[in-house]
Amino acid sequence: MSAQGEVTFSGSELCKTYRTGETEVHALRGVDLAIPAGEILVLLGPSGSGKSTLLNIVGGLDRPTSGSLRYRDVDLTALSERELTRFRRANVGFVFQFYNLIPSLTAEENVRLVTDIADHPLPASEALELVGLADRRDHYPAQLSGGEQQRVAVARAVAKQPGVLLCDEPTGALDSATGVRVLATLADANRTLGTTLVIITHNAGIAAMADRVLHFLDGQIAREVVNPEPIEPKGITW
């Protein structure tokens, strides 16, 4: 549920062009967007439609070729690389399709990597409890199922209590039952911590949990759908 009136991100005329030799690829073509604080936003669209490019720009991992982007009252397009790194560290949690856990560290130690550098972190043990893995804190990634590893990755992302949680195909490598559990964990973070949640997915069923859905095509937002009655993740089927 979004906080009335407050906008987390606002973008205007966002364009991104990549050069590959002689070829120009227009990944984003003049995207305007506003993401209210606390919203659950799902981005749908085929591969190459611009979803991941937008997510990377919003998360400060990449810069637009042109256009403007603000996070609350901060102009992200005006920041230096060092300032952009500080922005990511303080405000953004990332969850990707592949878990990127360090094999030689326990679940709790993997989460603590983030809590050691965050400004106002949750204790690692509390973050693991939030994702239902308190009893697995001393297990190494190889001792965890794929779904458990992804939930550790979610715990790591939410442990710094970010203003925004950006998820790129977070259930892409999971079966449906495990995927629903991961989505429930993300929804809990949204509800409990007030975190703005943006999810990229190819799975149209996940759109049912969103406050709003943006359909991407050819680097543009082709359609926007406001969902008057988002459902709980446990009701999602695919």
Protein backbone atom coordinates (compact mmCIF):
# COMPACT_ATOMS: atom_id res chain seq x y z
CA MET A 1 0.00 0.00 0.00
CA SER A 2 1.50 3.32 -1.03
CA ALA A 3 1.90 6.29 1.28
CA GLN A 4 -0.45 9.04 0.17
CA GLY A 5 1.28 11.83 -1.70
CA GLU A 6 4.90 10.78 -1.20
CA VAL A 7 6.83 9.77 -4.32
CA THR A 8 9.94 7.58 -4.04
CA PHE A 9 11.11 7.90 -7.66
CA SER A 10 10.15 10.31 -10.41
CA GLY A 11 11.63 10.05 -13.90
CA SER A 12 11.16 12.20 -16.97
CA GLU A 13 12.04 11.37 -20.59
CA LEU A 14 14.47 8.60 -19.55
CA CYS A 15 16.44 7.29 -22.51
CA LYS A 16 19.22 4.73 -22.62
CA THR A 17 21.24 3.96 -25.72
CA TYR A 18 23.95 1.30 -25.88
CA ARG A 19 26.55 1.18 -28.62
CA THR A 20 27.76 -2.18 -29.91
CA GLY A 21 30.34 -1.42 -32.57
CA GLU A 22 28.45 0.41 -35.30
CA THR A 23 25.06 -0.53 -33.87
CA GLU A 24 22.96 1.57 -31.51
CA VAL A 25 20.49 -0.20 -29.22
CA HIS A 26 17.74 2.01 -27.78
CA ALA A 27 16.94 0.22 -24.52
CA LEU A 28 14.74 3.02 -23.16
CA ARG A 29 12.89 5.53 -25.30
CA GLY A 30 11.60 8.48 -23.29
CA VAL A 31 10.11 6.80 -20.22
CA ASP A 32 8.20 8.91 -17.68
CA LEU A 33 7.35 7.37 -14.35
CA ALA A 34 6.42 8.11 -10.76
CA ILE A 35 6.66 5.42 -8.08
CA PRO A 36 4.80 6.26 -4.86
CA ALA A 37 6.40 5.36 -1.55
CA GLY A 38 5.34 1.94 -0.28
CA GLU A 39 3.93 0.82 -3.63
CA ILE A 40 4.23 -2.73 -4.98
CA LEU A 41 4.98 -2.22 -8.67
CA VAL A 42 5.36 -5.06 -11.19
CA LEU A 43 7.12 -4.57 -14.54
CA LEU A 44 6.04 -6.98 -17.29
CA GLY A 45 7.24 -7.36 -20.85
CA PRO A 46 9.30 -9.52 -23.21
CA SER A 47 13.08 -9.82 -23.01
CA GLY A 48 14.75 -6.70 -24.37
CA SER A 49 11.75 -4.45 -23.70
CA GLY A 50 13.65 -2.21 -21.25
CA LYS A 51 12.54 -3.53 -17.86
CA SER A 52 15.98 -4.45 -16.50
CA THR A 53 17.54 -1.30 -17.96
CA LEU A 54 15.01 0.81 -16.08
CA LEU A 55 15.54 -1.15 -12.88
CA ASN A 56 19.32 -0.70 -13.11
CA ILE A 57 18.94 3.04 -13.65
CA VAL A 58 16.45 3.41 -10.79
CA GLY A 59 18.79 1.43 -8.53
CA GLY A 60 21.82 3.55 -9.39
CA LEU A 61 23.65 0.70 -11.14
CA ASP A 62 23.51 2.52 -14.48
CA ARG A 63 22.87 6.02 -15.76
CA PRO A 64 20.40 7.20 -18.39
CA THR A 65 21.80 8.57 -21.65
CA SER A 66 19.35 11.46 -21.26
CA GLY A 67 16.40 12.44 -19.10
CA SER A 68 16.12 13.08 -15.38
CA LEU A 69 15.54 10.86 -12.35
CA ARG A 70 14.94 11.83 -8.76
CA TYR A 71 14.85 9.75 -5.57
CA ARG A 72 12.67 11.78 -3.21
CA ASP A 73 14.45 15.17 -3.31
CA VAL A 74 17.77 13.88 -4.71
CA ASP A 75 18.62 14.33 -8.40
CA LEU A 76 20.28 10.98 -9.16
CA THR A 77 21.40 12.09 -12.61
CA ALA A 78 23.55 14.81 -11.01
CA LEU A 79 25.42 12.51 -8.60
CA SER A 80 29.07 11.50 -8.95
CA GLU A 81 29.98 7.81 -9.05
CA ARG A 82 30.94 7.93 -5.38
CA GLU A 83 27.66 9.64 -4.44
CA LEU A 84 25.71 7.12 -6.50
CA THR A 85 27.44 4.27 -4.65
CA ARG A 86 26.51 5.91 -1.35
CA PHE A 87 22.91 6.27 -2.55
CA ARG A 88 22.71 2.55 -3.41
CA ARG A 89 24.28 1.52 -0.14
CA ALA A 90 21.93 3.62 1.96
CA ASN A 91 18.63 3.27 0.12
CA VAL A 92 18.40 0.28 -2.24
CA GLY A 93 18.13 -3.45 -1.70
CA PHE A 94 18.59 -5.76 -4.71
CA VAL A 95 17.26 -9.29 -5.26
CA PHE A 96 18.22 -11.06 -8.49
CA GLN A 97 17.28 -14.38 -10.09
CA PHE A 98 20.60 -15.86 -8.98
CA TYR A 99 21.27 -15.61 -5.28
CA ASN A 100 24.91 -14.43 -5.27
CA LEU A 101 25.58 -15.89 -1.84
CA ILE A 102 29.16 -16.49 -0.74
CA PRO A 103 29.55 -20.29 -0.40
CA SER A 104 32.07 -20.15 2.45
CA LEU A 105 29.81 -18.04 4.67
CA THR A 106 26.77 -19.15 6.66
CA ALA A 107 23.33 -17.69 6.02
CA GLU A 108 23.78 -15.26 8.90
CA GLU A 109 27.28 -14.26 7.76
CA ASN A 110 25.98 -13.60 4.23
CA VAL A 111 23.34 -11.26 5.64
CA ARG A 112 25.87 -9.61 7.95
CA LEU A 113 27.91 -8.51 4.91
CA VAL A 114 25.21 -5.89 4.36
CA THR A 115 24.45 -5.03 7.99
CA ASP A 116 28.13 -4.19 8.55
CA ILE A 117 27.98 -1.35 5.99
CA ALA A 118 24.38 -0.14 6.39
CA ASP A 119 23.43 2.98 8.34
CA HIS A 120 20.44 1.60 10.25
CA PRO A 121 20.38 -2.16 9.71
CA LEU A 122 18.21 -4.85 11.17
CA PRO A 123 20.29 -7.41 13.07
CA ALA A 124 21.13 -10.28 10.70
CA SER A 125 19.29 -12.73 12.96
CA GLU A 126 16.14 -10.56 12.83
CA ALA A 127 16.30 -10.33 9.03
CA LEU A 128 16.52 -14.12 8.80
CA GLU A 129 13.57 -14.43 11.17
CA LEU A 130 11.59 -12.10 8.90
CA VAL A 131 12.07 -14.56 5.99
CA GLY A 132 11.35 -17.62 8.15
CA LEU A 133 14.94 -18.91 8.30
CA ALA A 134 15.98 -18.26 11.89
CA ASP A 135 16.61 -21.99 12.35
CA ARG A 136 18.92 -22.11 9.29
CA ARG A 137 21.20 -19.23 10.28
CA ASP A 138 24.29 -21.45 10.73
CA HIS A 139 23.81 -23.35 7.46
CA TYR A 140 25.98 -22.76 4.42
CA PRO A 141 24.41 -22.12 0.97
CA ALA A 142 25.20 -25.69 -0.16
CA GLN A 143 23.09 -26.95 2.76
CA LEU A 144 20.08 -24.86 1.71
CA SER A 145 17.47 -25.44 -1.01
CA GLY A 146 17.17 -22.98 -3.89
CA GLY A 147 14.17 -21.34 -2.25
CA GLU A 148 15.98 -21.02 1.07
CA GLN A 149 18.99 -19.47 -0.66
CA GLN A 150 16.72 -16.93 -2.35
CA ARG A 151 15.12 -16.11 1.00
CA VAL A 152 18.60 -15.53 2.45
CA ALA A 153 19.19 -13.15 -0.47
CA VAL A 154 15.92 -11.39 0.41
CA ALA A 155 16.98 -11.20 4.06
CA ARG A 156 20.29 -9.69 2.98
CA ALA A 157 18.46 -7.10 0.88
CA VAL A 158 15.95 -6.08 3.56
CA ALA A 159 18.47 -6.13 6.43
CA LYS A 160 19.63 -2.60 5.69
CA GLN A 161 15.98 -1.45 5.80
CA PRO A 162 16.15 0.10 2.33
CA GLY A 163 13.68 2.66 1.08
CA VAL A 164 13.25 0.57 -2.06
CA LEU A 165 13.63 -3.11 -2.89
CA LEU A 166 14.37 -3.90 -6.55
CA CYS A 167 13.81 -7.49 -7.68
CA ASP A 168 14.77 -8.81 -11.12
CA GLU A 169 13.08 -12.18 -11.77
CA PRO A 170 13.28 -13.14 -8.06
CA THR A 171 11.28 -16.34 -8.65
CA GLY A 172 12.73 -17.18 -12.09
CA ALA A 173 14.76 -20.17 -10.86
CA LEU A 174 12.13 -21.49 -8.43
CA ASP A 175 9.15 -23.83 -8.60
CA SER A 176 5.74 -22.27 -8.04
CA ALA A 177 5.30 -23.22 -4.36
CA THR A 178 8.77 -21.94 -3.44
CA GLY A 179 8.29 -18.85 -5.61
CA VAL A 180 5.07 -17.97 -3.79
CA ARG A 181 6.91 -18.22 -0.47
CA VAL A 182 9.60 -15.82 -1.71
CA LEU A 183 6.92 -13.39 -2.96
CA ALA A 184 5.19 -13.58 0.42
CA THR A 185 8.51 -12.69 2.05
CA LEU A 186 8.87 -9.66 -0.23
CA ALA A 187 5.28 -8.58 0.49
CA ASP A 188 5.97 -8.90 4.22
CA ALA A 189 8.99 -6.59 3.86
CA ASN A 190 6.82 -4.11 1.99
CA ARG A 191 4.17 -4.26 4.71
CA THR A 192 6.46 -4.46 7.77
CA LEU A 193 9.20 -2.03 6.76
CA GLY A 194 7.21 0.23 4.41
CA THR A 195 9.68 -0.56 1.62
CA THR A 196 8.74 0.38 -1.94
CA LEU A 197 8.84 -2.87 -3.92
CA VAL A 198 9.54 -3.14 -7.66
CA ILE A 199 9.46 -6.61 -9.26
CA ILE A 200 10.48 -7.51 -12.81
CA THR A 201 8.98 -10.78 -13.99
CA HIS A 202 7.99 -12.70 -17.10
CA ASN A 203 5.26 -14.33 -15.02
CA ALA A 204 2.01 -12.45 -15.58
CA GLY A 205 0.40 -14.19 -12.60
CA ILE A 206 2.61 -12.22 -10.20
CA ALA A 207 0.95 -9.00 -11.38
CA ALA A 208 -2.07 -9.89 -9.22
CA MET A 209 -0.15 -8.93 -6.05
CA ALA A 210 0.81 -5.48 -7.38
CA ASP A 211 -0.75 -2.11 -6.67
CA ARG A 212 0.18 -1.21 -10.24
CA VAL A 213 1.57 -2.97 -13.32
CA LEU A 214 3.64 -1.39 -16.10
CA HIS A 215 3.79 -3.31 -19.39
CA PHE A 216 6.98 -2.62 -21.36
CA LEU A 217 7.47 -2.93 -25.10
CA ASP A 218 10.36 -1.67 -27.23
CA GLY A 219 11.85 0.52 -24.52
CA GLN A 220 8.60 2.23 -23.58
CA ILE A 221 5.72 1.82 -21.17
CA ALA A 222 3.04 0.45 -23.47
CA ARG A 223 0.32 0.13 -20.84
CA GLU A 224 -0.30 0.89 -17.19
CA VAL A 225 -2.79 -1.08 -15.10
CA VAL A 226 -3.87 -0.04 -11.61
CA ASN A 227 -4.98 -3.01 -9.54
CA PRO A 228 -7.85 -1.97 -7.22
CA GLU A 229 -7.64 -5.17 -5.16
CA PRO A 230 -4.15 -6.74 -5.00
CA ILE A 231 -4.19 -10.32 -3.75
CA GLU A 232 -1.91 -11.99 -1.23
CA PRO A 233 0.97 -13.95 -2.85
CA LYS A 234 -0.46 -17.25 -1.55
CA GLY A 235 -3.34 -16.74 -4.00
CA ILE A 236 -1.03 -16.54 -7.02
CA THR A 237 -0.88 -19.45 -9.40
CA TRP A 238 1.36 -20.12 -12.39
